[in-house]
Amino acid sequence: MKITPEPTDCLRCGACCFSQLPTYVRVTGDDWVRLAGAAERVAHFIGHRAYMRMSDGHCAALAVRVDDAGAAEYFCSVYAQRPQVCRDLARGSPQCQAEREQKSDRRPGTMR
């Protein structure tokens, strides 16, 4: 397995926010309450369970900005209210490295 260097911060990565699965990020009842007014915009129910909405292959809460040099910056529009599963993913952890390795081809820009 090729190890990709850890980015200087999550704003230069965003890999954990990308997936084609509509059930990628589970939203618990506590998460829904924490999301408050943003819940209806960024989350939805599939059956009797709530998940973050996915849009264009990434979480609907993810915002992507590309600067004049073409470098992408990724940020969560509901960062302070994000689901617990997102809070639990530590930058540089084995789970983070796996996300970065598996998804490096799915994001705009390049891995740094």
Protein backbone atom coordinates (compact mmCIF):
# COMPACT_ATOMS: atom_id res chain seq x y z
CA MET A 1 0.00 0.00 0.00
CA LYS A 2 1.30 3.45 -0.92
CA ILE A 3 1.24 5.89 1.98
CA THR A 4 0.25 9.41 1.00
CA PRO A 5 1.83 12.18 3.05
CA GLU A 6 -0.38 13.71 5.69
CA PRO A 7 -1.70 17.11 4.58
CA THR A 8 -0.81 20.14 6.64
CA ASP A 9 -4.50 20.40 7.50
CA CYS A 10 -7.82 18.84 6.56
CA LEU A 11 -8.69 21.84 4.37
CA ARG A 12 -6.19 20.52 1.82
CA CYS A 13 -7.65 17.01 1.77
CA GLY A 14 -11.38 16.32 2.25
CA ALA A 15 -11.09 12.64 1.24
CA CYS A 16 -13.26 11.48 4.14
CA CYS A 17 -16.20 13.48 2.75
CA PHE A 18 -16.27 11.65 -0.60
CA SER A 19 -18.33 8.55 -1.37
CA GLN A 20 -20.82 7.24 -3.90
CA LEU A 21 -22.84 5.52 -1.15
CA PRO A 22 -26.08 7.28 -0.17
CA THR A 23 -25.74 5.74 3.31
CA TYR A 24 -22.12 6.79 3.81
CA VAL A 25 -22.52 9.08 6.86
CA ARG A 26 -25.05 7.89 9.41
CA VAL A 27 -26.82 10.65 11.35
CA THR A 28 -28.00 9.69 14.84
CA GLY A 29 -30.80 11.40 16.73
CA ASP A 30 -28.25 13.41 18.70
CA ASP A 31 -26.58 14.43 15.42
CA TRP A 32 -29.93 15.56 13.97
CA VAL A 33 -30.57 17.73 17.03
CA ARG A 34 -27.03 19.17 16.83
CA LEU A 35 -27.51 19.96 13.12
CA ALA A 36 -30.60 21.97 14.12
CA GLY A 37 -31.79 24.23 11.27
CA ALA A 38 -29.27 22.75 8.83
CA ALA A 39 -30.57 19.19 9.29
CA GLU A 40 -33.18 19.32 6.53
CA ARG A 41 -30.67 20.80 4.08
CA VAL A 42 -27.75 18.42 4.65
CA ALA A 43 -29.38 15.24 5.95
CA HIS A 44 -32.32 13.07 5.00
CA PHE A 45 -34.02 9.81 5.85
CA ILE A 46 -33.64 6.61 3.90
CA GLY A 47 -36.22 4.32 5.38
CA HIS A 48 -36.19 4.87 9.12
CA ARG A 49 -32.55 5.99 9.34
CA ALA A 50 -31.00 9.37 8.72
CA TYR A 51 -27.87 10.01 6.67
CA MET A 52 -26.01 13.01 5.37
CA ARG A 53 -27.12 13.84 1.84
CA MET A 54 -24.58 13.06 -0.86
CA SER A 55 -24.18 15.39 -3.82
CA ASP A 56 -21.82 14.95 -6.77
CA GLY A 57 -19.98 12.17 -4.95
CA HIS A 58 -19.42 13.99 -1.67
CA CYS A 59 -21.27 15.00 1.46
CA ALA A 60 -23.72 17.82 0.81
CA ALA A 61 -22.17 19.78 3.69
CA LEU A 62 -18.77 19.84 1.98
CA ALA A 63 -17.87 23.07 0.27
CA VAL A 64 -14.99 23.13 -2.21
CA ARG A 65 -13.16 26.28 -3.21
CA VAL A 66 -10.48 26.33 -5.89
CA ASP A 67 -8.04 29.22 -5.81
CA ASP A 68 -6.51 30.97 -8.83
CA ALA A 69 -3.57 28.53 -8.80
CA GLY A 70 -5.99 25.58 -9.01
CA ALA A 71 -5.46 24.35 -5.43
CA ALA A 72 -8.61 23.04 -3.80
CA GLU A 73 -9.71 23.86 -0.28
CA TYR A 74 -12.32 21.66 1.40
CA PHE A 75 -14.40 22.75 4.35
CA CYS A 76 -17.48 21.53 6.14
CA SER A 77 -20.34 24.01 6.07
CA VAL A 78 -21.73 22.50 9.30
CA TYR A 79 -18.38 21.85 11.02
CA ALA A 80 -19.49 22.92 14.51
CA GLN A 81 -22.63 20.77 14.18
CA ARG A 82 -21.13 17.82 12.20
CA PRO A 83 -22.19 14.24 13.03
CA GLN A 84 -20.31 12.33 15.71
CA VAL A 85 -18.79 9.91 13.18
CA CYS A 86 -17.10 12.90 11.52
CA ARG A 87 -15.94 14.21 14.89
CA ASP A 88 -14.40 10.84 15.72
CA LEU A 89 -12.22 10.63 12.59
CA ALA A 90 -8.81 11.93 13.63
CA ARG A 91 -6.49 13.53 11.07
CA GLY A 92 -3.56 11.23 10.38
CA SER A 93 -5.21 8.20 12.02
CA PRO A 94 -5.16 4.81 10.25
CA GLN A 95 -8.76 5.46 9.19
CA CYS A 96 -7.78 8.83 7.74
CA GLN A 97 -4.86 7.29 5.85
CA ALA A 98 -7.17 4.60 4.42
CA GLU A 99 -9.68 7.22 3.25
CA ARG A 100 -6.91 9.23 1.59
CA GLU A 101 -5.38 6.20 -0.11
CA GLN A 102 -8.67 4.79 -1.39
CA LYS A 103 -10.18 8.06 -2.58
CA SER A 104 -7.29 10.08 -3.95
CA ASP A 105 -8.73 9.82 -7.48
CA ARG A 106 -12.27 10.92 -6.58
CA ARG A 107 -11.64 14.51 -5.56
CA PRO A 108 -10.93 17.60 -7.60
CA GLY A 109 -7.35 18.77 -7.26
CA THR A 110 -4.54 16.58 -6.08
CA MET A 111 -3.48 14.98 -2.83
CA ARG A 112 -0.70 16.91 -1.15
